[in-house]
Amino acid sequence: MAFVDQTKDRRLAVGQPEWCRVVVLGGVILAAIGHDPDSQTDPSFWQMAVAGIPSVIVLILPCVLVVWFGRRALGRGVEGGREATKAGLAVGATLVLMKLVSPVLRLVVAAV
């Protein structure tokens, strides 16, 4: 029987609970400030901002911590910190870009 390396699959699955937390947090905040989740209307800009800012913070907090500890490791001479820092920056930037682009695209598509 051949050995199958499953570490890549585990690393990819780590991001999925993070997205679930962001979606739930955003939905709870939207409901708390008065937007009806069953309505067919989109939330207003201020509602999206109030719900989106904490969601983005929850989304990028693990990436910020990876960069922080990767930089500390580099400062102490551990070369593995360089890859951790690069990965944290890349993943964090991608997640923020995805989170910020989707509402803008929704507004653009609705205007057309």
N, C-alpha and C. Protein backbone atom coordinates (compact mmCIF):
# COMPACT_ATOMS: atom_id res chain seq x y z
N MET A 1 0.85 -1.18 0.00
CA MET A 1 0.00 0.00 0.00
C MET A 1 0.89 1.24 0.00
N ALA A 2 0.60 2.17 -0.87
CA ALA A 2 1.42 3.38 -1.01
C ALA A 2 1.04 4.41 0.05
N PHE A 3 2.05 5.15 0.47
CA PHE A 3 1.84 6.22 1.45
C PHE A 3 1.25 7.44 0.75
N VAL A 4 0.19 7.98 1.29
CA VAL A 4 -0.47 9.15 0.71
C VAL A 4 -0.26 10.32 1.65
N ASP A 5 0.33 11.40 1.14
CA ASP A 5 0.58 12.60 1.94
C ASP A 5 -0.70 13.43 1.97
N GLN A 6 -1.31 13.54 3.14
CA GLN A 6 -2.56 14.27 3.27
C GLN A 6 -2.38 15.64 3.93
N THR A 7 -1.16 16.08 4.14
CA THR A 7 -0.95 17.35 4.82
C THR A 7 -1.47 18.51 3.99
N LYS A 8 -1.38 18.41 2.66
CA LYS A 8 -1.88 19.48 1.81
C LYS A 8 -3.40 19.62 1.96
N ASP A 9 -4.09 18.49 2.01
CA ASP A 9 -5.54 18.52 2.16
C ASP A 9 -5.95 19.15 3.48
N ARG A 10 -5.22 18.85 4.55
CA ARG A 10 -5.53 19.42 5.86
C ARG A 10 -5.32 20.93 5.86
N ARG A 11 -4.26 21.38 5.21
CA ARG A 11 -4.00 22.82 5.18
C ARG A 11 -5.08 23.56 4.40
N LEU A 12 -5.58 22.96 3.34
CA LEU A 12 -6.62 23.62 2.56
C LEU A 12 -7.94 23.66 3.32
N ALA A 13 -8.19 22.68 4.17
CA ALA A 13 -9.45 22.62 4.90
C ALA A 13 -9.50 23.59 6.07
N VAL A 14 -8.37 24.15 6.45
CA VAL A 14 -8.34 25.06 7.59
C VAL A 14 -9.11 26.33 7.30
N GLY A 15 -9.12 26.81 6.07
CA GLY A 15 -9.78 28.07 5.73
C GLY A 15 -11.30 27.98 5.75
N GLN A 16 -11.87 26.81 5.61
CA GLN A 16 -13.32 26.69 5.53
C GLN A 16 -14.04 27.08 6.82
N PRO A 17 -13.59 26.66 8.00
CA PRO A 17 -14.27 27.14 9.22
C PRO A 17 -14.15 28.65 9.39
N GLU A 18 -13.06 29.22 8.91
CA GLU A 18 -12.89 30.67 9.00
C GLU A 18 -13.97 31.39 8.20
N TRP A 19 -14.25 30.91 6.99
CA TRP A 19 -15.30 31.52 6.18
C TRP A 19 -16.66 31.39 6.87
N CYS A 20 -16.91 30.23 7.48
CA CYS A 20 -18.18 30.03 8.19
C CYS A 20 -18.34 31.03 9.32
N ARG A 21 -17.26 31.25 10.09
CA ARG A 21 -17.33 32.23 11.17
C ARG A 21 -17.62 33.63 10.64
N VAL A 22 -17.00 33.99 9.53
CA VAL A 22 -17.19 35.32 8.96
C VAL A 22 -18.63 35.50 8.49
N VAL A 23 -19.16 34.50 7.81
CA VAL A 23 -20.53 34.59 7.31
C VAL A 23 -21.53 34.67 8.46
N VAL A 24 -21.34 33.84 9.47
CA VAL A 24 -22.24 33.85 10.62
C VAL A 24 -22.14 35.17 11.37
N LEU A 25 -20.93 35.65 11.60
CA LEU A 25 -20.74 36.92 12.30
C LEU A 25 -21.39 38.07 11.54
N GLY A 26 -21.17 38.13 10.24
CA GLY A 26 -21.78 39.18 9.43
C GLY A 26 -23.30 39.11 9.45
N GLY A 27 -23.86 37.89 9.35
CA GLY A 27 -25.31 37.74 9.39
C GLY A 27 -25.92 38.12 10.72
N VAL A 28 -25.22 37.76 11.80
CA VAL A 28 -25.72 38.09 13.14
C VAL A 28 -25.69 39.60 13.35
N ILE A 29 -24.62 40.24 12.94
CA ILE A 29 -24.54 41.70 13.09
C ILE A 29 -25.59 42.38 12.24
N LEU A 30 -25.79 41.92 11.00
CA LEU A 30 -26.83 42.52 10.16
C LEU A 30 -28.21 42.37 10.79
N ALA A 31 -28.51 41.20 11.33
CA ALA A 31 -29.80 41.00 11.98
C ALA A 31 -29.92 41.86 13.23
N ALA A 32 -28.82 42.05 13.95
CA ALA A 32 -28.86 42.84 15.18
C ALA A 32 -29.10 44.32 14.91
N ILE A 33 -28.65 44.81 13.76
CA ILE A 33 -28.85 46.24 13.46
C ILE A 33 -30.12 46.49 12.65
N GLY A 34 -30.92 45.45 12.45
CA GLY A 34 -32.25 45.67 11.90
C GLY A 34 -32.49 45.23 10.48
N HIS A 35 -31.54 44.60 9.81
CA HIS A 35 -31.79 44.13 8.45
C HIS A 35 -32.45 42.76 8.51
N ASP A 36 -33.58 42.62 7.83
CA ASP A 36 -34.32 41.35 7.80
C ASP A 36 -33.63 40.40 6.82
N PRO A 37 -33.10 39.27 7.30
CA PRO A 37 -32.41 38.35 6.40
C PRO A 37 -33.32 37.69 5.37
N ASP A 38 -34.62 37.67 5.62
CA ASP A 38 -35.55 37.06 4.68
C ASP A 38 -36.02 38.02 3.60
N SER A 39 -35.68 39.30 3.73
CA SER A 39 -36.14 40.27 2.74
C SER A 39 -35.34 40.12 1.46
N GLN A 40 -35.91 40.55 0.38
CA GLN A 40 -35.27 40.47 -0.93
C GLN A 40 -34.36 41.67 -1.21
N THR A 41 -34.35 42.64 -0.31
CA THR A 41 -33.53 43.83 -0.52
C THR A 41 -32.13 43.62 0.04
N ASP A 42 -31.18 44.27 -0.60
CA ASP A 42 -29.81 44.23 -0.09
C ASP A 42 -29.68 45.21 1.07
N PRO A 43 -28.79 44.94 2.00
CA PRO A 43 -28.57 45.88 3.10
C PRO A 43 -27.97 47.18 2.56
N SER A 44 -28.22 48.26 3.29
CA SER A 44 -27.66 49.55 2.87
C SER A 44 -26.15 49.56 3.08
N PHE A 45 -25.50 50.60 2.59
CA PHE A 45 -24.05 50.68 2.67
C PHE A 45 -23.57 50.71 4.12
N TRP A 46 -24.24 51.50 4.96
CA TRP A 46 -23.78 51.60 6.35
C TRP A 46 -23.97 50.27 7.07
N GLN A 47 -25.03 49.53 6.73
CA GLN A 47 -25.23 48.22 7.35
C GLN A 47 -24.14 47.24 6.91
N MET A 48 -23.77 47.29 5.63
CA MET A 48 -22.70 46.42 5.14
C MET A 48 -21.37 46.78 5.80
N ALA A 49 -21.13 48.08 6.01
CA ALA A 49 -19.89 48.50 6.65
C ALA A 49 -19.83 48.07 8.11
N VAL A 50 -20.95 48.24 8.82
CA VAL A 50 -20.98 47.87 10.24
C VAL A 50 -20.81 46.36 10.40
N ALA A 51 -21.39 45.57 9.52
CA ALA A 51 -21.26 44.12 9.61
C ALA A 51 -19.95 43.63 9.00
N GLY A 52 -19.44 44.35 8.02
CA GLY A 52 -18.25 43.89 7.30
C GLY A 52 -16.95 44.12 8.01
N ILE A 53 -16.83 45.22 8.73
CA ILE A 53 -15.56 45.54 9.38
C ILE A 53 -15.18 44.49 10.43
N PRO A 54 -16.08 44.11 11.36
CA PRO A 54 -15.69 43.04 12.29
C PRO A 54 -15.45 41.70 11.59
N SER A 55 -16.19 41.45 10.51
CA SER A 55 -15.99 40.21 9.77
C SER A 55 -14.60 40.15 9.15
N VAL A 56 -14.15 41.27 8.60
CA VAL A 56 -12.82 41.31 8.01
C VAL A 56 -11.76 41.14 9.09
N ILE A 57 -11.98 41.74 10.25
CA ILE A 57 -11.02 41.59 11.36
C ILE A 57 -10.91 40.13 11.77
N VAL A 58 -12.05 39.45 11.91
CA VAL A 58 -12.03 38.03 12.27
C VAL A 58 -11.36 37.20 11.18
N LEU A 59 -11.54 37.61 9.95
CA LEU A 59 -10.98 36.87 8.83
C LEU A 59 -9.46 36.99 8.77
N ILE A 60 -8.92 38.19 9.00
CA ILE A 60 -7.48 38.37 8.82
C ILE A 60 -6.68 38.23 10.11
N LEU A 61 -7.34 38.12 11.26
CA LEU A 61 -6.61 38.01 12.51
C LEU A 61 -5.62 36.83 12.53
N PRO A 62 -6.00 35.63 12.08
CA PRO A 62 -5.00 34.55 12.04
C PRO A 62 -3.82 34.88 11.11
N CYS A 63 -4.08 35.55 10.01
CA CYS A 63 -2.98 35.92 9.10
C CYS A 63 -2.05 36.94 9.74
N VAL A 64 -2.62 37.89 10.46
CA VAL A 64 -1.80 38.89 11.16
C VAL A 64 -0.92 38.20 12.20
N LEU A 65 -1.48 37.24 12.92
CA LEU A 65 -0.70 36.52 13.92
C LEU A 65 0.42 35.70 13.28
N VAL A 66 0.15 35.09 12.13
CA VAL A 66 1.19 34.32 11.44
C VAL A 66 2.33 35.25 11.01
N VAL A 67 1.99 36.42 10.48
CA VAL A 67 3.03 37.37 10.08
C VAL A 67 3.80 37.85 11.31
N TRP A 68 3.10 38.15 12.38
CA TRP A 68 3.75 38.62 13.61
C TRP A 68 4.77 37.61 14.12
N PHE A 69 4.33 36.35 14.26
CA PHE A 69 5.24 35.34 14.79
C PHE A 69 6.30 34.93 13.77
N GLY A 70 5.99 35.02 12.48
CA GLY A 70 7.01 34.76 11.46
C GLY A 70 8.12 35.80 11.50
N ARG A 71 7.75 37.06 11.71
CA ARG A 71 8.76 38.13 11.83
C ARG A 71 9.59 37.95 13.11
N ARG A 72 8.95 37.53 14.18
CA ARG A 72 9.70 37.27 15.42
C ARG A 72 10.70 36.14 15.22
N ALA A 73 10.27 35.09 14.50
CA ALA A 73 11.17 33.98 14.23
C ALA A 73 12.35 34.43 13.37
N LEU A 74 12.08 35.27 12.37
CA LEU A 74 13.16 35.79 11.55
C LEU A 74 14.14 36.61 12.38
N GLY A 75 13.61 37.39 13.30
CA GLY A 75 14.47 38.19 14.17
C GLY A 75 15.35 37.34 15.06
N ARG A 76 14.91 36.14 15.34
CA ARG A 76 15.70 35.23 16.20
C ARG A 76 16.56 34.27 15.37
N GLY A 77 16.56 34.46 14.05
CA GLY A 77 17.43 33.66 13.21
C GLY A 77 16.83 32.38 12.67
N VAL A 78 15.53 32.17 12.81
CA VAL A 78 14.88 30.96 12.29
C VAL A 78 14.41 31.26 10.88
N GLU A 79 15.00 30.56 9.90
CA GLU A 79 14.69 30.84 8.50
C GLU A 79 13.28 30.42 8.10
N GLY A 80 12.67 29.51 8.84
CA GLY A 80 11.30 29.09 8.53
C GLY A 80 10.30 30.21 8.71
N GLY A 81 10.67 31.24 9.43
CA GLY A 81 9.78 32.38 9.61
C GLY A 81 9.53 33.14 8.32
N ARG A 82 10.47 33.05 7.38
CA ARG A 82 10.30 33.76 6.11
C ARG A 82 9.11 33.20 5.33
N GLU A 83 9.00 31.88 5.27
CA GLU A 83 7.87 31.27 4.55
C GLU A 83 6.55 31.54 5.26
N ALA A 84 6.57 31.51 6.58
CA ALA A 84 5.35 31.80 7.32
C ALA A 84 4.90 33.23 7.08
N THR A 85 5.85 34.16 7.06
CA THR A 85 5.51 35.56 6.81
C THR A 85 4.95 35.74 5.41
N LYS A 86 5.58 35.14 4.43
CA LYS A 86 5.08 35.24 3.05
C LYS A 86 3.68 34.65 2.91
N ALA A 87 3.49 33.48 3.52
CA ALA A 87 2.17 32.83 3.43
C ALA A 87 1.11 33.65 4.14
N GLY A 88 1.42 34.17 5.31
CA GLY A 88 0.45 35.00 6.03
C GLY A 88 0.06 36.25 5.25
N LEU A 89 1.04 36.90 4.64
CA LEU A 89 0.76 38.09 3.83
C LEU A 89 -0.07 37.74 2.60
N ALA A 90 0.29 36.67 1.92
CA ALA A 90 -0.43 36.29 0.70
C ALA A 90 -1.87 35.88 1.00
N VAL A 91 -2.06 35.04 2.00
CA VAL A 91 -3.41 34.58 2.34
C VAL A 91 -4.25 35.74 2.87
N GLY A 92 -3.67 36.56 3.72
CA GLY A 92 -4.40 37.71 4.27
C GLY A 92 -4.83 38.68 3.19
N ALA A 93 -3.92 39.00 2.28
CA ALA A 93 -4.25 39.93 1.19
C ALA A 93 -5.33 39.35 0.27
N THR A 94 -5.23 38.06 -0.01
CA THR A 94 -6.24 37.42 -0.86
C THR A 94 -7.61 37.41 -0.20
N LEU A 95 -7.65 37.08 1.09
CA LEU A 95 -8.94 37.04 1.79
C LEU A 95 -9.58 38.42 1.88
N VAL A 96 -8.78 39.44 2.19
CA VAL A 96 -9.32 40.79 2.27
C VAL A 96 -9.80 41.24 0.89
N LEU A 97 -9.04 40.96 -0.14
CA LEU A 97 -9.45 41.34 -1.49
C LEU A 97 -10.76 40.66 -1.88
N MET A 98 -10.88 39.38 -1.58
CA MET A 98 -12.12 38.66 -1.90
C MET A 98 -13.30 39.22 -1.11
N LYS A 99 -13.06 39.53 0.16
CA LYS A 99 -14.14 40.04 1.02
C LYS A 99 -14.57 41.42 0.59
N LEU A 100 -13.66 42.26 0.12
CA LEU A 100 -14.00 43.62 -0.26
C LEU A 100 -14.52 43.73 -1.69
N VAL A 101 -14.09 42.84 -2.56
CA VAL A 101 -14.51 42.92 -3.97
C VAL A 101 -15.95 42.45 -4.14
N SER A 102 -16.39 41.45 -3.38
CA SER A 102 -17.73 40.90 -3.60
C SER A 102 -18.85 41.93 -3.37
N PRO A 103 -18.84 42.77 -2.32
CA PRO A 103 -19.90 43.77 -2.21
C PRO A 103 -19.83 44.83 -3.30
N VAL A 104 -18.62 45.20 -3.71
CA VAL A 104 -18.48 46.20 -4.77
C VAL A 104 -19.03 45.64 -6.08
N LEU A 105 -18.71 44.40 -6.39
CA LEU A 105 -19.26 43.79 -7.61
C LEU A 105 -20.78 43.67 -7.53
N ARG A 106 -21.31 43.37 -6.34
CA ARG A 106 -22.75 43.28 -6.19
C ARG A 106 -23.40 44.63 -6.47
N LEU A 107 -22.80 45.72 -6.00
CA LEU A 107 -23.34 47.05 -6.25
C LEU A 107 -23.24 47.43 -7.72
N VAL A 108 -22.13 47.06 -8.35
CA VAL A 108 -21.96 47.37 -9.77
C VAL A 108 -22.95 46.60 -10.62
N VAL A 109 -23.15 45.33 -10.32
CA VAL A 109 -24.09 44.51 -11.09
C VAL A 109 -25.52 45.00 -10.87
N ALA A 110 -25.84 45.42 -9.66
CA ALA A 110 -27.19 45.92 -9.38
C ALA A 110 -27.46 47.24 -10.10
N ALA A 111 -26.43 48.03 -10.32
CA ALA A 111 -26.59 49.32 -11.00
C ALA A 111 -26.79 49.16 -12.51
N VAL A 112 -26.33 48.03 -13.07
CA VAL A 112 -26.42 47.83 -14.51
C VAL A 112 -27.78 47.39 -14.93
